[in-house]
Amino acid sequence: MTLLPDPVLSFYQLMVWLHIGVGSIALILFWVPLRFAKGSPAHKRSGRYYANCMYFVAGNGLLLAVLVLSDPMYFKASLYLPDSNEEAVTSAIRQFWSFLLFLCFLVLTNVNHAMAVLRVKNNITKMRSIRYLAFPGMLFISSVWVLYMGIKDTHMLFLAFSAIGLLSSVDTIRYCLRTSVTRNDWMAAHIGNICGSGIGVYTAFFAFGGRSLFSDFGQWQLVFWIAPAIIGTFLISKSIKRYTTPSSTTTAMH
């Protein structure tokens, strides 16, 4: 890794490498808790490692996105070629990094909610605070913006993920405002959201980190980008059915 003479750009480049490095670790750690029994010390420990990696990756991604969006020409000067349309390049950069910003809020919302429901369990009133409502609120706002970009440019990836973001943010907010929950409720919320964060990190890999690998596929790249969401949704459904009991009423006292 060669740092640039400009200290701000050197900091930016260092953050990019950290984002890639920790994100790569998270891609692997996502599967580790699945190897252990639910609730076991190993499951909890590996789950915390994964969650901490995701907090860092998403937080780091937010910082990178804010930096680039604040001054695209400064942080992405190499994309401005002598014969390029400056306005078009700036627009493309802002669109690309706006979607990354959205994915960071999606991951932060999923991870934060997945860990929160395990902490509070049936003490649902504790979730009526800015600590738990801030991320889904920001996710809702960023989802609306991604929806606007998707409609404006007929971008199927943006349209699909804006729907995921809107549903996730509304569902999280509704959960936080509930008056009571059962074991089935918080177990389903944990599984759904932790798997949702996995969808986010794998989508980020395929859509951004792995886009050069699939550049020869043209429009078929969308298959690789949307595949994590489709596969993840199926696994979430199967896992919730496996780890929740048939009757939630019998578990309300646990």
Protein backbone atom coordinates (compact mmCIF):
# COMPACT_ATOMS: atom_id res chain seq x y z
CA MET A 1 0.00 0.00 0.00
CA THR A 2 1.47 3.35 -1.09
CA LEU A 3 0.14 6.39 0.73
CA LEU A 4 -0.23 9.67 -1.12
CA PRO A 5 1.65 12.87 -0.21
CA ASP A 6 -1.62 14.67 0.60
CA PRO A 7 -2.42 13.76 4.26
CA VAL A 8 -6.20 13.88 3.67
CA LEU A 9 -5.97 11.57 0.66
CA SER A 10 -3.57 9.33 2.59
CA PHE A 11 -6.15 9.08 5.38
CA TYR A 12 -8.87 8.32 2.81
CA GLN A 13 -6.77 5.60 1.17
CA LEU A 14 -5.96 4.05 4.55
CA MET A 15 -9.68 3.96 5.39
CA VAL A 16 -10.39 2.27 2.04
CA TRP A 17 -7.86 -0.48 2.74
CA LEU A 18 -9.21 -0.97 6.25
CA HIS A 19 -12.73 -1.15 4.81
CA ILE A 20 -11.67 -3.84 2.34
CA GLY A 21 -9.65 -5.79 4.91
CA VAL A 22 -12.23 -5.85 7.70
CA GLY A 23 -15.02 -6.36 5.15
CA SER A 24 -13.24 -9.46 3.82
CA ILE A 25 -13.01 -10.82 7.36
CA ALA A 26 -16.74 -10.15 7.84
CA LEU A 27 -17.56 -12.12 4.68
CA ILE A 28 -16.04 -15.18 6.36
CA LEU A 29 -17.17 -14.50 9.94
CA PHE A 30 -20.80 -14.30 8.83
CA TRP A 31 -20.83 -18.10 8.48
CA VAL A 32 -18.90 -18.98 11.65
CA PRO A 33 -21.76 -18.60 14.22
CA LEU A 34 -23.86 -20.95 12.10
CA ARG A 35 -21.46 -23.77 12.93
CA PHE A 36 -22.31 -23.62 16.64
CA ALA A 37 -25.50 -24.30 18.60
CA LYS A 38 -27.73 -21.27 19.06
CA GLY A 39 -27.08 -19.62 22.40
CA SER A 40 -23.81 -21.48 23.03
CA PRO A 41 -20.75 -19.49 24.20
CA ALA A 42 -19.02 -20.12 20.86
CA HIS A 43 -22.06 -18.92 18.92
CA LYS A 44 -22.31 -15.75 21.02
CA ARG A 45 -18.59 -15.03 20.87
CA SER A 46 -18.27 -15.50 17.10
CA GLY A 47 -21.48 -13.55 16.61
CA ARG A 48 -20.02 -10.61 18.53
CA TYR A 49 -16.86 -10.75 16.41
CA TYR A 50 -18.98 -10.59 13.26
CA ALA A 51 -21.17 -7.78 14.61
CA ASN A 52 -18.12 -5.72 15.65
CA CYS A 53 -16.60 -6.16 12.20
CA MET A 54 -19.84 -5.03 10.61
CA TYR A 55 -20.10 -1.99 12.88
CA PHE A 56 -16.61 -0.99 11.78
CA VAL A 57 -17.17 -1.70 8.07
CA ALA A 58 -20.47 0.19 7.96
CA GLY A 59 -19.19 3.10 10.06
CA ASN A 60 -16.03 3.29 7.97
CA GLY A 61 -18.16 3.14 4.82
CA LEU A 62 -20.31 6.03 6.04
CA LEU A 63 -17.20 8.13 6.58
CA LEU A 64 -15.83 7.30 3.12
CA ALA A 65 -19.17 8.04 1.47
CA VAL A 66 -19.53 11.40 3.22
CA LEU A 67 -16.00 12.38 2.19
CA VAL A 68 -16.50 11.47 -1.47
CA LEU A 69 -19.96 13.02 -1.69
CA SER A 70 -18.65 16.24 -0.14
CA ASP A 71 -15.98 16.69 -2.83
CA PRO A 72 -16.02 14.12 -5.67
CA MET A 73 -13.36 15.92 -7.74
CA TYR A 74 -10.91 15.92 -4.84
CA PHE A 75 -11.26 12.30 -3.71
CA LYS A 76 -11.88 10.81 -7.18
CA ALA A 77 -9.67 13.04 -9.30
CA SER A 78 -8.41 10.07 -11.34
CA LEU A 79 -11.88 9.59 -12.83
CA TYR A 80 -11.89 13.06 -14.37
CA LEU A 81 -10.10 12.52 -17.68
CA PRO A 82 -9.24 15.44 -19.98
CA ASP A 83 -11.95 14.53 -22.51
CA SER A 84 -14.61 13.50 -19.96
CA ASN A 85 -17.83 15.33 -19.19
CA GLU A 86 -17.17 16.75 -15.73
CA GLU A 87 -20.85 17.03 -14.83
CA ALA A 88 -21.62 13.48 -15.95
CA VAL A 89 -18.67 12.04 -14.04
CA THR A 90 -19.65 13.92 -10.87
CA SER A 91 -23.24 12.70 -11.21
CA ALA A 92 -22.10 9.08 -11.62
CA ILE A 93 -19.81 9.31 -8.59
CA ARG A 94 -22.55 10.81 -6.43
CA GLN A 95 -25.00 8.11 -7.52
CA PHE A 96 -22.51 5.31 -6.83
CA TRP A 97 -21.56 6.59 -3.39
CA SER A 98 -25.11 7.48 -2.43
CA PHE A 99 -25.99 3.82 -2.88
CA LEU A 100 -22.98 2.83 -0.75
CA LEU A 101 -24.20 5.27 1.93
CA PHE A 102 -27.61 3.58 1.79
CA LEU A 103 -26.03 0.11 2.14
CA CYS A 104 -24.12 1.30 5.21
CA PHE A 105 -27.33 2.47 6.87
CA LEU A 106 -28.99 -0.83 5.92
CA VAL A 107 -26.17 -2.84 7.52
CA LEU A 108 -26.01 -0.63 10.62
CA THR A 109 -29.77 -0.90 11.09
CA ASN A 110 -29.73 -4.68 10.69
CA VAL A 111 -26.76 -5.32 12.98
CA ASN A 112 -27.84 -2.85 15.65
CA HIS A 113 -31.38 -4.23 15.74
CA ALA A 114 -30.21 -7.87 15.67
CA MET A 115 -28.02 -7.33 18.73
CA ALA A 116 -30.51 -5.04 20.50
CA VAL A 117 -33.40 -7.52 20.50
CA LEU A 118 -31.17 -10.05 22.27
CA ARG A 119 -30.20 -7.50 24.91
CA VAL A 120 -33.70 -6.29 25.75
CA LYS A 121 -35.69 -9.44 24.85
CA ASN A 122 -39.13 -8.90 26.43
CA ASN A 123 -38.25 -5.47 27.85
CA ILE A 124 -39.40 -3.89 24.62
CA THR A 125 -40.00 -0.41 26.06
CA LYS A 126 -36.22 0.07 26.24
CA MET A 127 -36.15 0.25 22.45
CA ARG A 128 -38.19 3.46 22.33
CA SER A 129 -35.06 5.59 22.30
CA ILE A 130 -32.89 7.43 19.79
CA ARG A 131 -30.27 4.70 20.27
CA TYR A 132 -32.48 2.20 18.47
CA LEU A 133 -34.60 4.49 16.26
CA ALA A 134 -31.86 6.67 14.71
CA PHE A 135 -30.48 4.10 12.26
CA PRO A 136 -33.85 2.92 10.86
CA GLY A 137 -34.84 6.58 10.53
CA MET A 138 -31.74 7.34 8.46
CA LEU A 139 -32.28 4.13 6.51
CA PHE A 140 -35.80 5.24 5.61
CA ILE A 141 -34.55 8.62 4.34
CA SER A 142 -31.70 7.07 2.32
CA SER A 143 -34.10 4.44 0.90
CA VAL A 144 -36.38 7.18 -0.42
CA TRP A 145 -33.38 8.81 -2.09
CA VAL A 146 -32.27 5.50 -3.68
CA LEU A 147 -35.86 4.96 -4.85
CA TYR A 148 -35.78 8.40 -6.49
CA MET A 149 -32.49 7.56 -8.27
CA GLY A 150 -33.90 4.21 -9.37
CA ILE A 151 -37.04 5.77 -10.85
CA LYS A 152 -35.13 8.64 -12.48
CA ASP A 153 -32.59 6.37 -14.20
CA THR A 154 -34.69 3.16 -14.41
CA HIS A 155 -32.01 1.41 -12.35
CA MET A 156 -33.32 -2.01 -11.31
CA LEU A 157 -30.72 -2.56 -8.56
CA PHE A 158 -31.68 0.73 -6.90
CA LEU A 159 -35.39 0.00 -7.22
CA ALA A 160 -35.01 -3.45 -5.69
CA PHE A 161 -32.88 -2.33 -2.77
CA SER A 162 -34.90 0.78 -2.04
CA ALA A 163 -37.86 -1.53 -1.47
CA ILE A 164 -35.74 -3.69 0.87
CA GLY A 165 -34.58 -0.60 2.74
CA LEU A 166 -38.07 0.85 3.11
CA LEU A 167 -39.51 -2.44 4.36
CA SER A 168 -36.60 -2.99 6.75
CA SER A 169 -36.73 0.52 8.21
CA VAL A 170 -40.50 0.49 8.72
CA ASP A 171 -40.43 -3.01 10.21
CA THR A 172 -37.63 -2.03 12.63
CA ILE A 173 -39.41 1.14 13.74
CA ARG A 174 -42.68 -0.74 14.25
CA TYR A 175 -40.86 -3.36 16.35
CA CYS A 176 -39.29 -0.66 18.54
CA LEU A 177 -42.71 0.91 19.17
CA ARG A 178 -44.46 -2.32 20.13
CA THR A 179 -45.86 -2.72 23.64
CA SER A 180 -45.00 -6.41 24.02
CA VAL A 181 -43.07 -9.19 22.28
CA THR A 182 -42.64 -12.93 22.67
CA ARG A 183 -39.55 -15.10 22.41
CA ASN A 184 -40.56 -15.95 18.85
CA ASP A 185 -40.70 -12.26 18.00
CA TRP A 186 -37.20 -11.34 19.16
CA MET A 187 -35.72 -14.58 17.88
CA ALA A 188 -37.19 -13.94 14.41
CA ALA A 189 -36.01 -10.32 14.56
CA HIS A 190 -32.48 -11.40 15.48
CA ILE A 191 -32.23 -14.01 12.74
CA GLY A 192 -33.82 -11.81 10.08
CA ASN A 193 -31.67 -8.79 10.81
CA ILE A 194 -28.33 -10.54 11.28
CA CYS A 195 -28.91 -12.36 7.98
CA GLY A 196 -30.00 -9.05 6.47
CA SER A 197 -26.62 -7.57 7.38
CA GLY A 198 -25.01 -10.49 5.59
CA ILE A 199 -27.08 -9.69 2.50
CA GLY A 200 -25.77 -6.14 2.72
CA VAL A 201 -22.10 -7.07 2.99
CA TYR A 202 -22.27 -9.63 0.18
CA THR A 203 -24.18 -7.20 -2.02
CA ALA A 204 -21.51 -4.56 -1.38
CA PHE A 205 -18.86 -7.09 -2.39
CA PHE A 206 -20.57 -8.09 -5.64
CA ALA A 207 -21.80 -4.60 -6.56
CA PHE A 208 -18.61 -2.73 -5.70
CA GLY A 209 -15.61 -4.83 -4.69
CA GLY A 210 -16.35 -7.59 -7.18
CA ARG A 211 -17.68 -5.49 -10.04
CA SER A 212 -14.39 -5.76 -11.94
CA LEU A 213 -14.64 -9.56 -11.75
CA PHE A 214 -18.06 -9.48 -13.43
CA SER A 215 -17.55 -6.56 -15.81
CA ASP A 216 -17.65 -8.89 -18.83
CA PHE A 217 -21.18 -10.01 -17.92
CA GLY A 218 -22.77 -6.67 -18.88
CA GLN A 219 -26.35 -6.38 -17.64
CA TRP A 220 -26.08 -9.90 -16.24
CA GLN A 221 -24.07 -8.35 -13.39
CA LEU A 222 -27.47 -7.63 -11.82
CA VAL A 223 -27.86 -11.36 -11.21
CA PHE A 224 -24.75 -11.38 -9.00
CA TRP A 225 -25.87 -8.20 -7.22
CA ILE A 226 -29.41 -9.33 -6.46
CA ALA A 227 -28.55 -13.00 -5.79
CA PRO A 228 -27.51 -12.36 -2.14
CA ALA A 229 -30.91 -10.81 -1.41
CA ILE A 230 -32.82 -13.69 -3.01
CA ILE A 231 -30.73 -16.43 -1.40
CA GLY A 232 -30.61 -14.57 1.91
CA THR A 233 -34.38 -14.12 2.06
CA PHE A 234 -34.84 -17.86 1.52
CA LEU A 235 -32.34 -18.70 4.28
CA ILE A 236 -33.96 -16.21 6.67
CA SER A 237 -37.36 -17.84 6.13
CA LYS A 238 -35.95 -21.34 6.69
CA SER A 239 -33.99 -20.30 9.79
CA ILE A 240 -36.94 -18.52 11.42
CA LYS A 241 -39.12 -21.59 10.94
CA ARG A 242 -36.39 -23.80 12.40
CA TYR A 243 -35.52 -21.75 15.48
CA THR A 244 -38.92 -20.43 16.55
CA THR A 245 -41.54 -22.53 18.28
CA PRO A 246 -44.96 -23.21 16.72
CA SER A 247 -46.82 -21.26 19.37
CA SER A 248 -45.57 -17.84 20.47
CA THR A 249 -48.06 -17.64 23.31
CA THR A 250 -46.35 -20.41 25.22
CA THR A 251 -43.00 -18.61 25.08
CA ALA A 252 -44.13 -15.19 26.21
CA MET A 253 -43.10 -15.93 29.80
CA HIS A 254 -39.50 -16.93 28.96
